[in-house]
Amino acid sequence: MAHYERMLSESHPLYLQNLNFDLLRARAKGDYAMFVLALVTVMVVPPSVVIGTYDLRLFVLPAKSMNDYRNRLDERPSTPQ
């Protein structure tokens, strides 16, 4: 019995060290995942803002009067339904 008690008491610090290492490795994976997510966000958001701005129907803005606006709507090709 004393042999098992001594063996367990000697292996306890190694077990705690292994747990600490596993925790550090898991934390590093989480940090890397957050870095990749932030990098993708930084790369995707600016082009989407530019595309979204030019995707708006900006032909309405230069209209000088309501009649000019209606004429532009009439000139626009209709979409088939």
N, C-alpha and C. Protein backbone atom coordinates (compact mmCIF):
# COMPACT_ATOMS: atom_id res chain seq x y z
N MET A 1 0.83 -1.19 0.00
CA MET A 1 0.00 0.00 0.00
C MET A 1 0.87 1.26 0.00
N ALA A 2 1.95 1.23 0.74
CA ALA A 2 2.84 2.38 0.82
C ALA A 2 3.45 2.65 -0.56
N HIS A 3 3.69 1.60 -1.31
CA HIS A 3 4.26 1.77 -2.65
C HIS A 3 3.31 2.57 -3.55
N TYR A 4 2.04 2.24 -3.53
CA TYR A 4 1.05 2.95 -4.36
C TYR A 4 0.88 4.40 -3.91
N GLU A 5 0.91 4.60 -2.60
CA GLU A 5 0.77 5.96 -2.08
C GLU A 5 1.97 6.82 -2.51
N ARG A 6 3.16 6.27 -2.45
CA ARG A 6 4.35 7.00 -2.87
C ARG A 6 4.32 7.25 -4.38
N MET A 7 3.89 6.27 -5.15
CA MET A 7 3.82 6.42 -6.60
C MET A 7 2.81 7.51 -6.99
N LEU A 8 1.67 7.52 -6.34
CA LEU A 8 0.66 8.54 -6.64
C LEU A 8 1.12 9.93 -6.20
N SER A 9 1.79 10.02 -5.07
CA SER A 9 2.25 11.33 -4.59
C SER A 9 3.34 11.88 -5.50
N GLU A 10 4.14 11.01 -6.12
CA GLU A 10 5.17 11.48 -7.03
C GLU A 10 4.60 11.85 -8.41
N SER A 11 3.53 11.21 -8.80
CA SER A 11 2.97 11.48 -10.12
C SER A 11 2.01 12.68 -10.11
N HIS A 12 1.58 13.12 -8.94
CA HIS A 12 0.64 14.23 -8.86
C HIS A 12 1.20 15.53 -9.47
N PRO A 13 2.43 15.95 -9.17
CA PRO A 13 2.95 17.17 -9.80
C PRO A 13 3.07 17.04 -11.33
N LEU A 14 3.41 15.86 -11.82
CA LEU A 14 3.48 15.66 -13.27
C LEU A 14 2.09 15.78 -13.90
N TYR A 15 1.10 15.27 -13.21
CA TYR A 15 -0.27 15.37 -13.69
C TYR A 15 -0.71 16.83 -13.76
N LEU A 16 -0.40 17.60 -12.71
CA LEU A 16 -0.77 19.02 -12.71
C LEU A 16 -0.02 19.78 -13.80
N GLN A 17 1.23 19.45 -14.03
CA GLN A 17 1.99 20.09 -15.08
C GLN A 17 1.39 19.77 -16.45
N ASN A 18 0.96 18.53 -16.64
CA ASN A 18 0.33 18.14 -17.89
C ASN A 18 -0.98 18.89 -18.10
N LEU A 19 -1.76 19.04 -17.05
CA LEU A 19 -3.01 19.81 -17.15
C LEU A 19 -2.72 21.26 -17.52
N ASN A 20 -1.70 21.85 -16.92
CA ASN A 20 -1.34 23.23 -17.22
C ASN A 20 -0.92 23.37 -18.68
N PHE A 21 -0.14 22.42 -19.18
CA PHE A 21 0.28 22.45 -20.57
C PHE A 21 -0.91 22.33 -21.51
N ASP A 22 -1.84 21.42 -21.19
CA ASP A 22 -3.05 21.27 -22.02
C ASP A 22 -3.87 22.55 -22.03
N LEU A 23 -3.96 23.21 -20.88
CA LEU A 23 -4.71 24.46 -20.80
C LEU A 23 -4.04 25.54 -21.65
N LEU A 24 -2.72 25.64 -21.59
CA LEU A 24 -2.01 26.62 -22.40
C LEU A 24 -2.18 26.34 -23.89
N ARG A 25 -2.14 25.07 -24.27
CA ARG A 25 -2.30 24.71 -25.68
C ARG A 25 -3.72 25.04 -26.16
N ALA A 26 -4.73 24.77 -25.34
CA ALA A 26 -6.11 25.10 -25.71
C ALA A 26 -6.30 26.61 -25.82
N ARG A 27 -5.68 27.35 -24.91
CA ARG A 27 -5.80 28.81 -24.95
C ARG A 27 -5.13 29.36 -26.21
N ALA A 28 -4.00 28.77 -26.60
CA ALA A 28 -3.30 29.22 -27.81
C ALA A 28 -4.14 28.95 -29.05
N LYS A 29 -4.84 27.83 -29.09
CA LYS A 29 -5.71 27.55 -30.23
C LYS A 29 -6.86 28.55 -30.30
N GLY A 30 -7.40 28.91 -29.15
CA GLY A 30 -8.47 29.91 -29.11
C GLY A 30 -7.98 31.27 -29.56
N ASP A 31 -6.77 31.63 -29.13
CA ASP A 31 -6.19 32.91 -29.57
C ASP A 31 -5.96 32.92 -31.07
N TYR A 32 -5.49 31.82 -31.62
CA TYR A 32 -5.27 31.74 -33.06
C TYR A 32 -6.59 31.84 -33.82
N ALA A 33 -7.62 31.18 -33.31
CA ALA A 33 -8.93 31.25 -33.96
C ALA A 33 -9.47 32.68 -33.95
N MET A 34 -9.30 33.39 -32.86
CA MET A 34 -9.74 34.78 -32.81
C MET A 34 -8.93 35.66 -33.75
N PHE A 35 -7.64 35.37 -33.88
CA PHE A 35 -6.79 36.12 -34.82
C PHE A 35 -7.26 35.92 -36.26
N VAL A 36 -7.56 34.68 -36.62
CA VAL A 36 -8.02 34.39 -37.99
C VAL A 36 -9.37 35.06 -38.23
N LEU A 37 -10.26 35.00 -37.26
CA LEU A 37 -11.57 35.63 -37.41
C LEU A 37 -11.43 37.15 -37.57
N ALA A 38 -10.56 37.77 -36.79
CA ALA A 38 -10.35 39.21 -36.91
C ALA A 38 -9.73 39.55 -38.26
N LEU A 39 -8.80 38.73 -38.72
CA LEU A 39 -8.16 38.98 -40.01
C LEU A 39 -9.16 38.88 -41.16
N VAL A 40 -10.02 37.88 -41.11
CA VAL A 40 -11.05 37.74 -42.15
C VAL A 40 -12.01 38.92 -42.11
N THR A 41 -12.37 39.35 -40.92
CA THR A 41 -13.27 40.49 -40.79
C THR A 41 -12.65 41.76 -41.36
N VAL A 42 -11.38 41.99 -41.07
CA VAL A 42 -10.70 43.17 -41.58
C VAL A 42 -10.59 43.12 -43.10
N MET A 43 -10.47 41.94 -43.67
CA MET A 43 -10.34 41.82 -45.11
C MET A 43 -11.68 41.90 -45.83
N VAL A 44 -12.78 41.54 -45.18
CA VAL A 44 -14.08 41.46 -45.84
C VAL A 44 -14.90 42.74 -45.68
N VAL A 45 -14.81 43.39 -44.56
CA VAL A 45 -15.69 44.54 -44.31
C VAL A 45 -15.43 45.73 -45.23
N PRO A 46 -14.18 46.18 -45.43
CA PRO A 46 -14.01 47.34 -46.33
C PRO A 46 -14.52 47.13 -47.76
N PRO A 47 -14.22 45.99 -48.41
CA PRO A 47 -14.80 45.81 -49.75
C PRO A 47 -16.32 45.75 -49.73
N SER A 48 -16.91 45.17 -48.69
CA SER A 48 -18.37 45.10 -48.66
C SER A 48 -18.99 46.49 -48.48
N VAL A 49 -18.31 47.37 -47.77
CA VAL A 49 -18.82 48.75 -47.63
C VAL A 49 -18.76 49.45 -48.99
N VAL A 50 -17.67 49.29 -49.71
CA VAL A 50 -17.54 49.92 -51.02
C VAL A 50 -18.56 49.35 -51.99
N ILE A 51 -18.69 48.03 -52.01
CA ILE A 51 -19.66 47.39 -52.91
C ILE A 51 -21.08 47.81 -52.54
N GLY A 52 -21.37 47.87 -51.25
CA GLY A 52 -22.70 48.28 -50.81
C GLY A 52 -23.01 49.72 -51.19
N THR A 53 -22.00 50.58 -51.15
CA THR A 53 -22.22 51.98 -51.52
C THR A 53 -22.51 52.09 -53.01
N TYR A 54 -21.77 51.40 -53.83
CA TYR A 54 -22.00 51.48 -55.27
C TYR A 54 -23.17 50.63 -55.74
N ASP A 55 -23.69 49.78 -54.88
CA ASP A 55 -24.84 48.96 -55.23
C ASP A 55 -26.15 49.73 -55.06
N LEU A 56 -26.11 50.84 -54.35
CA LEU A 56 -27.32 51.63 -54.15
C LEU A 56 -27.79 52.20 -55.47
N ARG A 57 -29.06 52.52 -55.54
CA ARG A 57 -29.61 53.10 -56.77
C ARG A 57 -29.34 54.61 -56.74
N LEU A 58 -28.13 54.96 -57.11
CA LEU A 58 -27.70 56.35 -57.01
C LEU A 58 -28.19 57.21 -58.17
N PHE A 59 -28.87 56.63 -59.15
CA PHE A 59 -29.37 57.44 -60.25
C PHE A 59 -30.44 58.41 -59.78
N VAL A 60 -31.00 58.21 -58.62
CA VAL A 60 -32.05 59.09 -58.10
C VAL A 60 -31.46 60.40 -57.59
N LEU A 61 -30.24 60.38 -57.10
CA LEU A 61 -29.68 61.57 -56.46
C LEU A 61 -29.55 62.79 -57.37
N PRO A 62 -29.12 62.67 -58.64
CA PRO A 62 -28.97 63.88 -59.44
C PRO A 62 -30.28 64.46 -59.97
N ALA A 63 -31.41 63.86 -59.71
CA ALA A 63 -32.68 64.35 -60.24
C ALA A 63 -32.95 65.77 -59.73
N LYS A 64 -33.31 66.67 -60.66
CA LYS A 64 -33.53 68.07 -60.30
C LYS A 64 -34.98 68.33 -59.89
N SER A 65 -35.87 67.53 -60.40
CA SER A 65 -37.27 67.73 -60.06
C SER A 65 -37.96 66.37 -60.04
N MET A 66 -39.18 66.37 -59.59
CA MET A 66 -39.93 65.12 -59.53
C MET A 66 -40.22 64.62 -60.94
N ASN A 67 -40.42 65.52 -61.91
CA ASN A 67 -40.67 65.11 -63.29
C ASN A 67 -39.43 64.42 -63.88
N ASP A 68 -38.26 64.97 -63.58
CA ASP A 68 -37.01 64.35 -64.04
C ASP A 68 -36.87 62.95 -63.45
N TYR A 69 -37.24 62.81 -62.20
CA TYR A 69 -37.18 61.50 -61.54
C TYR A 69 -38.15 60.52 -62.21
N ARG A 70 -39.35 60.96 -62.51
CA ARG A 70 -40.32 60.08 -63.17
C ARG A 70 -39.86 59.69 -64.57
N ASN A 71 -39.25 60.62 -65.30
CA ASN A 71 -38.73 60.31 -66.63
C ASN A 71 -37.64 59.25 -66.55
N ARG A 72 -36.80 59.34 -65.57
CA ARG A 72 -35.74 58.35 -65.42
C ARG A 72 -36.32 56.97 -65.09
N LEU A 73 -37.37 56.96 -64.30
CA LEU A 73 -38.01 55.67 -64.00
C LEU A 73 -38.65 55.07 -65.24
N ASP A 74 -39.23 55.91 -66.09
CA ASP A 74 -39.85 55.40 -67.32
C ASP A 74 -38.81 54.88 -68.30
N GLU A 75 -37.62 55.46 -68.30
CA GLU A 75 -36.56 55.04 -69.23
C GLU A 75 -35.88 53.75 -68.78
N ARG A 76 -36.04 53.40 -67.55
CA ARG A 76 -35.39 52.21 -67.02
C ARG A 76 -36.02 50.98 -67.61
N PRO A 77 -35.21 49.97 -68.06
CA PRO A 77 -35.81 48.76 -68.64
C PRO A 77 -36.56 47.98 -67.57
N SER A 78 -37.68 47.44 -67.99
CA SER A 78 -38.49 46.67 -67.03
C SER A 78 -37.93 45.26 -66.91
N THR A 79 -38.11 44.69 -65.72
CA THR A 79 -37.62 43.33 -65.49
C THR A 79 -38.73 42.34 -65.82
N PRO A 80 -38.41 41.25 -66.51
CA PRO A 80 -39.47 40.24 -66.81
C PRO A 80 -39.92 39.54 -65.54
N GLN A 81 -41.18 39.24 -65.49
CA GLN A 81 -41.72 38.59 -64.29
C GLN A 81 -42.22 37.22 -64.58
